[in-house]
Structures are given as structure tokens and as C-alpha cells.
């Protein structure tokens, strides 16, 4: 886990050296991740829109023929939630109301009555042994999550905090649907508040994502390994940062040299 965290931090230093991004440059970066995180986060959940189709939909307002209506609504909703996520960037703290609003914006085009509302039925995560809280337990579990956020947002390393926030939120699964996408929006809120880029988790590594997340949870059969999911998030963030560094024609960190120095 430590190696993955160091690599992400090294990339972040390269990006920080050319900050601040202002004006048109800032808008271009924000717009790029609006498309890429919307596409990737939805694709992980089975949405069939390609990145190019997502770009045409969000930038030009052109719907894609032959695609399910829900895929279009998910993309538009995620983009709205992304914009709200960026409005939270300068906030000192993220509150429960902000989490509800992230979900509401993502889901209101799909189901207004369930958007931003805690679920009232018991659910299971497909393919997971994790036992989720009952509907009655959700409000208190979410308050506990908020308390954990207050106690840890300034003490944990940003990537550790963001990954743990994601994991703890998913273990509650407070909504009827859209929990994974809300979790990624929440994680990215924590990242951008600390100067990191929004983490793009490619659908190409969906299996690694699911396996590392499942391994991080406590189940009746075994204890969880949170470090495995933290390492996954750090690696995904590193790849996001490396793509950005290449696009800006910046010099890539010398990972081998820096890691060797750590070991001395």
C-alpha cells in the first residue's frame, strides 16, 4: 500500500509544480474530467455509452440512438452531480446533506421519489458476502459516518481518507440504487478538496476494483483488508495523474529512484 501511495504523491508533486490552473485552462481540465468520470463511473455499473457518446451527449446535448434511455439519464444525472461536487471543493467540510444532494442530482431523472432518499427495503450487493444494514439502521450509520469524517478528514493522508470514505459509505449502501456512483463522487470530492485530480477508475479494471473492494469488507467468514482497497485507489489515482502529466508534456517522476531513497 505504501508504494502505491508514494507513487501517487510523487505524481501530485509534478502537477502541483505547474499550478494554479486558471481561466480557460481550469475549465478545460474540469470539463475533461466531467466527461471521463461520468463515462467511467457509469460504465463500471453496466452503462453502454462510450466515452465519445458521453462527450457528444454532455457537450452537444445530442442523444445517442439505439441506446437505453436509462443510460442517457444516468450520464446527464452524473454530470449534474459532478458539477455539484466541484462546488464543494472549497468547503471546509462535507455534510450528510451534501451526500444526499450528490445522490439526488445523479438519480432524480431516473426516479424522483428515490433520489436523495434513504432506501426503505433490505438490499444485497450482487456477488458479495457483505451484510448490509437494515433500513432502520441507515440514519444512525450515516451519522456515524459523518462523525468519522469529522474525526479523520484532517488526520489521514488524503488518498487513505478518500478510499476509506468510499469503503465505509458502500458498506452502508444507504440508497436503493446508485450507491457506487455516489461513493465515487464522494471519494472524488475528498480528493479534489486536497488538491488531487478526480480519480478515473477505468471499466477495464472493473474486476480488480470489485475484488479489492470485496476483500476490504468484513464478512461472517473473514475479517476485511482495507489496505487492499486503499492500494487500489492509490494505483488508480496514479494512473489518472500519469495520463494528465503526459497530456501536459510534463516530466514523469523517477519512481525507481524515489522508492530506492525511501528504502535507505
Protein backbone atom coordinates (compact mmCIF):
# COMPACT_ATOMS: atom_id res chain seq x y z
CA UNK A 1 0.00 0.00 0.00
CA UNK A 2 2.77 2.45 0.91
CA UNK A 3 4.43 2.11 -2.51
CA UNK A 4 1.16 2.96 -4.29
CA UNK A 5 0.62 5.96 -2.03
CA UNK A 6 4.14 7.26 -2.63
CA UNK A 7 3.76 6.97 -6.41
CA UNK A 8 0.54 8.98 -6.31
CA UNK A 9 2.15 11.61 -4.09
CA UNK A 10 5.15 11.89 -6.44
CA UNK A 11 2.86 12.46 -9.41
CA UNK A 12 0.92 15.00 -7.41
CA UNK A 13 4.09 16.99 -6.76
CA UNK A 14 4.73 17.24 -10.51
CA UNK A 15 1.20 18.55 -11.07
CA UNK A 16 1.38 20.94 -8.10
CA UNK A 17 4.52 22.48 -9.58
CA UNK A 18 2.53 23.87 -12.54
CA UNK A 19 -0.47 25.07 -10.53
CA UNK A 20 -2.59 27.09 -10.30
CA UNK A 21 -4.76 26.29 -13.29
CA UNK A 22 -6.88 29.32 -14.07
CA UNK A 23 -9.29 30.63 -16.66
CA UNK A 24 -9.73 28.56 -19.80
CA UNK A 25 -7.13 26.01 -18.71
CA UNK A 26 -9.01 25.26 -15.49
CA UNK A 27 -12.31 24.97 -17.37
CA UNK A 28 -10.82 22.56 -19.91
CA UNK A 29 -9.47 20.32 -17.16
CA UNK A 30 -12.75 20.38 -15.25
CA UNK A 31 -14.73 19.63 -18.42
CA UNK A 32 -12.42 16.74 -19.35
CA UNK A 33 -12.94 15.00 -16.01
CA UNK A 34 -16.66 15.75 -16.14
CA UNK A 35 -16.82 13.53 -19.22
CA UNK A 36 -14.26 10.91 -18.22
CA UNK A 37 -15.57 10.32 -14.69
CA UNK A 38 -19.18 10.28 -15.90
CA UNK A 39 -18.34 7.72 -18.57
CA UNK A 40 -16.12 5.51 -16.40
CA UNK A 41 -18.29 5.55 -13.27
CA UNK A 42 -21.39 4.65 -15.27
CA UNK A 43 -19.59 2.07 -17.42
CA UNK A 44 -18.45 0.20 -14.31
CA UNK A 45 -22.15 -0.24 -13.48
CA UNK A 46 -23.07 -1.52 -16.96
CA UNK A 47 -23.94 1.70 -18.80
CA UNK A 48 -23.32 1.13 -22.53
CA UNK A 49 -22.43 4.69 -23.59
CA UNK A 50 -18.87 5.05 -24.86
CA UNK A 51 -16.66 7.94 -23.82
CA UNK A 52 -17.24 9.54 -27.23
CA UNK A 53 -21.00 9.16 -26.92
CA UNK A 54 -20.89 10.58 -23.41
CA UNK A 55 -18.94 13.58 -24.71
CA UNK A 56 -21.46 14.25 -27.51
CA UNK A 57 -24.37 13.94 -25.08
CA UNK A 58 -22.93 16.24 -22.42
CA UNK A 59 -21.28 18.83 -24.65
CA UNK A 60 -23.73 18.97 -27.55
CA UNK A 61 -26.94 17.69 -25.97
CA UNK A 62 -27.31 15.07 -28.70
CA UNK A 63 -28.90 11.82 -27.53
CA UNK A 64 -27.48 8.60 -28.90
CA UNK A 65 -29.83 6.47 -30.98
CA UNK A 66 -30.23 2.81 -30.13
CA UNK A 67 -29.15 3.25 -26.50
CA UNK A 68 -31.36 2.62 -23.45
CA UNK A 69 -32.99 5.77 -22.08
CA UNK A 70 -31.62 4.96 -18.62
CA UNK A 71 -28.05 5.17 -19.95
CA UNK A 72 -28.71 8.72 -21.14
CA UNK A 73 -30.39 9.72 -17.86
CA UNK A 74 -27.51 8.28 -15.84
CA UNK A 75 -24.96 10.28 -17.84
CA UNK A 76 -26.90 13.54 -17.52
CA UNK A 77 -27.51 12.97 -13.81
CA UNK A 78 -23.89 12.12 -13.09
CA UNK A 79 -22.75 15.28 -14.88
CA UNK A 80 -25.09 17.36 -12.69
CA UNK A 81 -23.74 15.68 -9.56
CA UNK A 82 -20.17 16.24 -10.81
CA UNK A 83 -20.84 19.97 -11.08
CA UNK A 84 -22.15 19.98 -7.52
CA UNK A 85 -19.07 18.01 -6.42
CA UNK A 86 -16.85 20.79 -7.74
CA UNK A 87 -18.93 23.39 -5.92
CA UNK A 88 -17.92 21.61 -2.69
CA UNK A 89 -14.21 21.86 -3.46
CA UNK A 90 -13.69 24.94 -1.30
CA UNK A 91 -15.98 23.81 1.51
CA UNK A 92 -14.26 23.16 4.81
CA UNK A 93 -16.44 20.10 5.41
CA UNK A 94 -18.85 17.85 3.55
CA UNK A 95 -22.11 17.21 5.42
CA UNK A 96 -24.74 14.49 5.16
CA UNK A 97 -26.95 16.91 3.25
CA UNK A 98 -24.22 17.15 0.61
CA UNK A 99 -24.14 13.37 0.24
CA UNK A 100 -27.92 13.30 -0.18
CA UNK A 101 -27.66 16.07 -2.77
CA UNK A 102 -25.00 14.21 -4.76
CA UNK A 103 -27.32 11.21 -4.96
CA UNK A 104 -30.39 13.33 -5.68
CA UNK A 105 -28.73 15.06 -8.62
CA UNK A 106 -27.48 11.78 -10.04
CA UNK A 107 -30.76 9.89 -9.61
CA UNK A 108 -33.61 12.41 -9.92
CA UNK A 109 -34.02 11.90 -13.68
CA UNK A 110 -34.37 8.14 -13.12
CA UNK A 111 -36.63 8.13 -10.05
CA UNK A 112 -37.62 11.39 -8.36
CA UNK A 113 -39.17 9.60 -5.38
CA UNK A 114 -35.97 7.68 -4.57
CA UNK A 115 -33.46 10.45 -5.34
CA UNK A 116 -31.58 11.60 -2.25
CA UNK A 117 -33.78 9.40 -0.04
CA UNK A 118 -32.56 6.53 2.12
CA UNK A 119 -33.80 3.12 0.99
CA UNK A 120 -36.78 1.55 2.78
CA UNK A 121 -36.09 -2.04 1.74
CA UNK A 122 -33.34 -4.52 2.51
CA UNK A 123 -30.82 -4.96 -0.32
CA UNK A 124 -27.79 -7.09 -1.11
CA UNK A 125 -24.68 -6.41 -3.17
CA UNK A 126 -24.64 -8.87 -6.05
CA UNK A 127 -21.74 -11.31 -5.69
CA UNK A 128 -20.81 -10.03 -2.22
CA UNK A 129 -20.94 -11.68 1.20
CA UNK A 130 -21.21 -8.30 2.93
CA UNK A 131 -24.28 -7.97 5.14
CA UNK A 132 -25.78 -4.51 4.72
CA UNK A 133 -27.62 -2.58 7.45
CA UNK A 134 -31.39 -2.64 7.65
CA UNK A 135 -33.34 0.47 6.57
CA UNK A 136 -33.92 1.36 10.24
CA UNK A 137 -30.17 1.34 10.88
CA UNK A 138 -29.24 3.61 7.97
CA UNK A 139 -29.82 7.07 9.58
CA UNK A 140 -27.66 6.24 12.60
CA UNK A 141 -24.99 4.59 10.43
CA UNK A 142 -24.83 7.67 8.23
CA UNK A 143 -24.49 9.90 11.30
CA UNK A 144 -21.64 7.67 12.43
CA UNK A 145 -20.06 8.09 9.00
CA UNK A 146 -20.34 11.87 9.30
CA UNK A 147 -18.68 11.73 12.73
CA UNK A 148 -15.89 9.56 11.30
CA UNK A 149 -15.41 12.15 8.52
CA UNK A 150 -15.03 14.96 11.07
CA UNK A 151 -12.50 12.97 13.09
CA UNK A 152 -10.36 11.79 10.18
CA UNK A 153 -10.54 14.24 7.26
CA UNK A 154 -7.57 16.27 8.54
CA UNK A 155 -5.54 13.47 10.13
CA UNK A 156 -5.40 10.72 7.49
CA UNK A 157 -3.44 11.04 4.26
CA UNK A 158 -5.82 12.35 1.57
CA UNK A 159 -5.78 9.16 -0.50
CA UNK A 160 -6.26 6.97 2.56
CA UNK A 161 -9.14 9.15 3.74
CA UNK A 162 -10.81 9.18 0.30
CA UNK A 163 -10.56 5.40 -0.11
CA UNK A 164 -11.77 4.72 3.43
CA UNK A 165 -14.67 7.14 2.97
CA UNK A 166 -15.66 5.25 -0.17
CA UNK A 167 -15.41 1.87 1.56
CA UNK A 168 -17.35 2.91 4.66
CA UNK A 169 -20.10 4.52 2.57
CA UNK A 170 -20.52 1.43 0.38
CA UNK A 171 -20.77 -0.78 3.48
CA UNK A 172 -23.88 1.21 4.43
CA UNK A 173 -25.38 1.24 0.92
CA UNK A 174 -27.93 3.84 2.01
CA UNK A 175 -29.79 4.21 -1.29
CA UNK A 176 -31.96 1.92 -3.37
CA UNK A 177 -29.61 2.32 -6.36
CA UNK A 178 -26.67 4.49 -7.38
CA UNK A 179 -24.56 3.77 -4.29
CA UNK A 180 -21.36 3.02 -6.21
CA UNK A 181 -21.58 6.17 -8.28
CA UNK A 182 -22.38 8.28 -5.23
CA UNK A 183 -19.42 6.68 -3.45
CA UNK A 184 -17.08 7.61 -6.30
CA UNK A 185 -18.42 11.17 -6.34
CA UNK A 186 -17.90 11.37 -2.58
CA UNK A 187 -14.38 9.95 -2.89
CA UNK A 188 -13.53 12.44 -5.62
CA UNK A 189 -14.92 15.30 -3.54
CA UNK A 190 -12.40 14.37 -0.85
CA UNK A 191 -9.61 14.13 -3.43
CA UNK A 192 -10.20 17.48 -5.15
CA UNK A 193 -10.56 19.21 -1.77
CA UNK A 194 -6.98 18.08 -1.11
CA UNK A 195 -5.59 19.12 -4.48
CA UNK A 196 -5.75 15.75 -6.22
CA UNK A 197 -7.33 15.09 -9.59
CA UNK A 198 -10.67 13.27 -9.73
CA UNK A 199 -9.84 9.56 -9.82
CA UNK A 200 -10.89 7.84 -13.05
CA UNK A 201 -11.49 4.12 -12.43
CA UNK A 202 -11.50 2.56 -15.87
CA UNK A 203 -14.09 -0.15 -16.58
CA UNK A 204 -11.13 -2.16 -17.92
CA UNK A 205 -10.07 -2.77 -14.30
CA UNK A 206 -13.59 -3.42 -13.02
CA UNK A 207 -12.72 -6.91 -11.77
CA UNK A 208 -9.74 -5.61 -9.77
CA UNK A 209 -11.99 -2.89 -8.37
CA UNK A 210 -14.68 -5.35 -7.29
CA UNK A 211 -12.21 -7.84 -5.83
CA UNK A 212 -10.26 -5.26 -3.83
CA UNK A 213 -13.47 -3.68 -2.53
CA UNK A 214 -14.95 -7.05 -1.54
CA UNK A 215 -11.70 -8.06 0.18
CA UNK A 216 -11.81 -4.84 2.22
CA UNK A 217 -15.18 -5.65 3.81
CA UNK A 218 -15.77 -7.65 6.97
CA UNK A 219 -17.96 -10.70 6.33
CA UNK A 220 -19.25 -13.53 8.57
CA UNK A 221 -16.44 -15.72 7.21
CA UNK A 222 -13.44 -13.37 7.49
CA UNK A 223 -12.12 -10.00 8.50
CA UNK A 224 -11.65 -7.31 5.90
CA UNK A 225 -8.39 -5.94 4.49
CA UNK A 226 -8.96 -2.19 3.99
CA UNK A 227 -5.36 -1.68 2.86
CA UNK A 228 -6.05 -3.62 -0.32
CA UNK A 229 -8.72 -1.16 -1.45
CA UNK A 230 -6.60 1.82 -0.40
CA UNK A 231 -3.80 0.45 -2.59
CA UNK A 232 -6.24 0.03 -5.48
CA UNK A 233 -7.48 3.62 -5.23
CA UNK A 234 -3.92 4.95 -4.95
CA UNK A 235 -2.93 2.99 -8.07
CA UNK A 236 -5.98 4.24 -10.00
CA UNK A 237 -5.21 7.81 -8.94
CA UNK A 238 -1.59 7.38 -10.02
CA UNK A 239 -2.71 6.25 -13.48
CA UNK A 240 -5.06 9.24 -13.68
CA UNK A 241 -2.21 11.56 -12.74
CA UNK A 242 0.23 9.92 -15.18
CA UNK A 243 -2.25 10.43 -18.02
CA UNK A 244 -2.53 14.09 -17.04
CA UNK A 245 1.25 14.52 -16.83
CA UNK A 246 1.64 13.05 -20.31
CA UNK A 247 -1.11 15.28 -21.71
CA UNK A 248 0.63 18.37 -20.29
CA UNK A 249 4.06 17.23 -21.59
CA UNK A 250 5.50 17.28 -18.07
CA UNK A 251 8.37 15.14 -16.83
CA UNK A 252 7.27 11.87 -15.24
CA UNK A 253 8.59 11.21 -11.70
CA UNK A 254 11.54 8.86 -11.34
CA UNK A 255 9.64 6.26 -9.33
CA UNK A 256 12.55 3.82 -9.06
CA UNK A 257 14.98 6.43 -7.74
CA UNK A 258 12.50 7.85 -5.23
CA UNK A 259 11.48 4.42 -3.94
CA UNK A 260 15.11 3.40 -3.55
CA UNK A 261 15.72 6.53 -1.49
CA UNK A 262 12.80 5.56 0.74
CA UNK A 263 14.37 2.20 1.50
CA UNK A 264 17.72 3.66 2.56
